[in-house]
Protein backbone atom coordinates (compact mmCIF):
# COMPACT_ATOMS: atom_id res chain seq x y z
CA MET A 1 108.58 62.67 121.67
CA GLY A 2 105.50 60.98 120.32
CA LEU A 3 104.07 61.51 116.86
CA ARG A 4 100.94 63.15 118.23
CA LYS A 5 102.98 65.69 120.22
CA SER A 6 105.14 66.48 117.16
CA VAL A 7 102.08 67.10 114.99
CA THR A 8 100.61 69.37 117.65
CA LEU A 9 103.83 71.40 117.89
CA VAL A 10 104.09 71.76 114.10
CA THR A 11 100.43 72.82 113.93
CA LEU A 12 100.97 75.43 116.65
CA ALA A 13 104.09 76.75 114.89
CA LEU A 14 102.16 77.11 111.62
CA LEU A 15 99.32 78.93 113.40
CA VAL A 16 101.77 81.37 115.00
CA ALA A 17 103.43 81.98 111.62
CA LEU A 18 100.07 82.61 109.91
CA MET A 19 98.96 84.97 112.67
CA SER A 20 102.22 86.92 112.39
CA LEU A 21 101.73 87.21 108.66
CA ALA A 22 98.14 88.41 109.11
CA VAL A 23 99.19 91.04 111.64
CA GLY A 24 101.95 92.27 109.31
CA CYS A 25 99.50 92.59 106.41
CA SER A 26 96.87 94.43 108.43
CA GLY A 27 99.31 97.25 109.13
CA SER A 28 99.60 98.21 105.46
CA ALA A 29 97.82 101.35 104.29
CA GLU A 30 94.63 100.95 102.34
CA THR A 31 94.26 102.58 98.95
CA THR A 32 91.51 105.19 98.76
CA GLU A 33 88.91 104.31 96.13
CA VAL A 34 87.32 107.10 94.08
CA LEU A 35 84.27 106.12 92.03
CA GLU A 36 83.37 107.81 88.76
CA ALA A 37 80.23 109.31 90.34
CA ASP A 38 82.35 110.94 93.09
CA ALA A 39 85.04 112.41 90.82
CA ALA A 40 83.51 115.91 90.97
CA LYS A 41 84.24 116.00 94.73
CA GLY A 42 87.99 115.64 94.20
CA VAL A 43 90.38 113.70 96.40
CA LYS A 44 92.90 114.65 99.08
CA ILE A 45 95.90 112.43 99.77
CA ALA A 46 99.33 112.69 101.39
CA VAL A 47 102.68 112.39 99.63
CA GLY A 48 103.32 108.68 99.05
CA GLU A 49 99.65 107.76 99.45
CA GLN A 50 97.83 106.05 96.59
CA PHE A 51 94.26 106.16 95.35
CA ASP A 52 92.35 104.07 92.83
CA LEU A 53 90.05 105.83 90.35
CA VAL A 54 87.37 103.30 89.31
CA LEU A 55 85.63 103.98 85.98
CA GLU A 56 82.85 102.06 84.27
CA SER A 57 84.13 100.63 81.01
CA ASN A 58 83.27 98.05 78.39
CA ALA A 59 86.17 96.69 76.37
CA THR A 60 83.82 94.91 73.95
CA THR A 61 82.63 98.26 72.52
CA GLY A 62 86.11 99.36 71.45
CA PHE A 63 86.10 102.26 73.91
CA GLU A 64 88.97 102.73 76.33
CA TRP A 65 89.99 105.33 78.88
CA ARG A 66 92.90 107.58 77.83
CA LEU A 67 94.84 109.78 80.26
CA VAL A 68 94.89 113.39 78.99
CA GLU A 69 96.21 115.15 82.12
CA PRO A 70 98.56 115.31 83.91
CA THR A 71 101.14 115.50 81.17
CA THR A 72 103.89 115.51 83.83
CA GLU A 73 104.10 113.51 87.03
CA GLU A 74 105.36 116.24 89.34
CA THR A 75 102.46 116.23 91.83
CA VAL A 76 100.55 113.04 90.98
CA LYS A 77 102.19 109.97 89.45
CA LYS A 78 100.31 107.24 87.56
CA ILE A 79 101.22 103.85 89.00
CA LYS A 80 99.12 101.55 86.81
CA ASN A 81 95.81 101.03 85.09
CA GLU A 82 94.01 97.78 84.45
CA TYR A 83 90.66 96.62 83.12
CA GLN A 84 88.65 94.23 85.29
CA GLU A 85 86.08 92.10 83.52
CA PRO A 86 82.71 91.60 85.19
CA ASN A 87 81.89 88.36 86.98
CA THR A 88 78.48 88.07 85.31
CA GLY A 89 79.40 85.51 82.67
CA THR A 90 77.34 87.56 80.20
CA VAL A 91 79.00 88.16 76.83
CA GLY A 92 79.48 91.89 76.18
CA ALA A 93 78.90 92.97 79.79
CA GLY A 94 80.85 96.00 80.96
CA GLY A 95 83.56 95.98 83.57
CA THR A 96 85.67 98.62 85.29
CA ASP A 97 88.94 100.38 84.63
CA HIS A 98 91.11 100.92 87.70
CA TRP A 99 93.62 103.79 87.51
CA THR A 100 96.04 103.89 90.43
CA PHE A 101 97.82 107.17 91.21
CA GLU A 102 100.23 108.26 93.95
CA GLY A 103 100.94 111.63 95.50
CA ALA A 104 104.48 112.58 94.42
CA ARG A 105 104.82 116.00 96.09
CA ALA A 106 102.62 118.54 97.86
CA GLY A 107 100.43 120.62 95.59
CA GLU A 108 97.35 120.41 93.40
CA ALA A 109 96.87 118.57 90.13
CA THR A 110 94.04 117.78 87.77
CA ILE A 111 93.60 114.32 86.32
CA LYS A 112 91.58 114.21 83.12
CA LEU A 113 90.60 111.04 81.28
CA GLU A 114 88.60 110.58 78.09
CA TYR A 115 86.58 107.53 77.04
CA ILE A 116 87.43 107.15 73.35
CA ARG A 117 87.82 104.74 70.49
CA PRO A 118 91.51 105.02 69.54
CA TRP A 119 90.84 104.46 65.84
CA GLU A 120 88.48 107.47 65.72
CA PRO A 121 90.96 110.32 66.42
CA ASN A 122 88.60 113.10 65.30
CA ALA A 123 85.53 111.88 67.18
CA PRO A 124 84.71 113.63 70.45
CA PRO A 125 85.12 111.52 73.60
CA ASP A 126 82.05 109.57 74.68
CA ARG A 127 82.70 110.62 78.31
CA THR A 128 85.22 112.77 80.14
CA ILE A 129 86.27 112.60 83.79
CA THR A 130 88.08 115.44 85.56
CA LEU A 131 89.39 114.86 89.08
CA LYS A 132 91.06 117.52 91.22
CA VAL A 133 93.76 116.04 93.45
CA THR A 134 95.23 117.79 96.47
CA VAL A 135 98.47 116.31 97.79
CA THR A 136 99.59 117.26 101.29
CA GLU A 137 102.88 116.69 103.11
């Protein structure tokens, strides 16, 4: 078998492998995104489904989002939260906090977060978000 034919076969094999990988990835469920402005509408998810609550935040001000409710994870379970810096390149620009939750069992729950400075325990929160979550079977 010539070198050219071998290269062609290897290239085709790689293309088939990449296409198989792409098809496998496209079957995964997307995470529902809930923006801060839409929190009052609530969110409805199924057991095992995740959603991402996206909140405006600015780590340079000392403020951070703190989870107040739920205090238990019976209906809705917190998976993770992470701060994403902006891509502006501007010093002091705000970013977003992403809070990922998952439906643990059917029912209703309320998620409440407060935007606070941790070293000011007696100061009222700068902002509060309350999100009603309905989890279905």
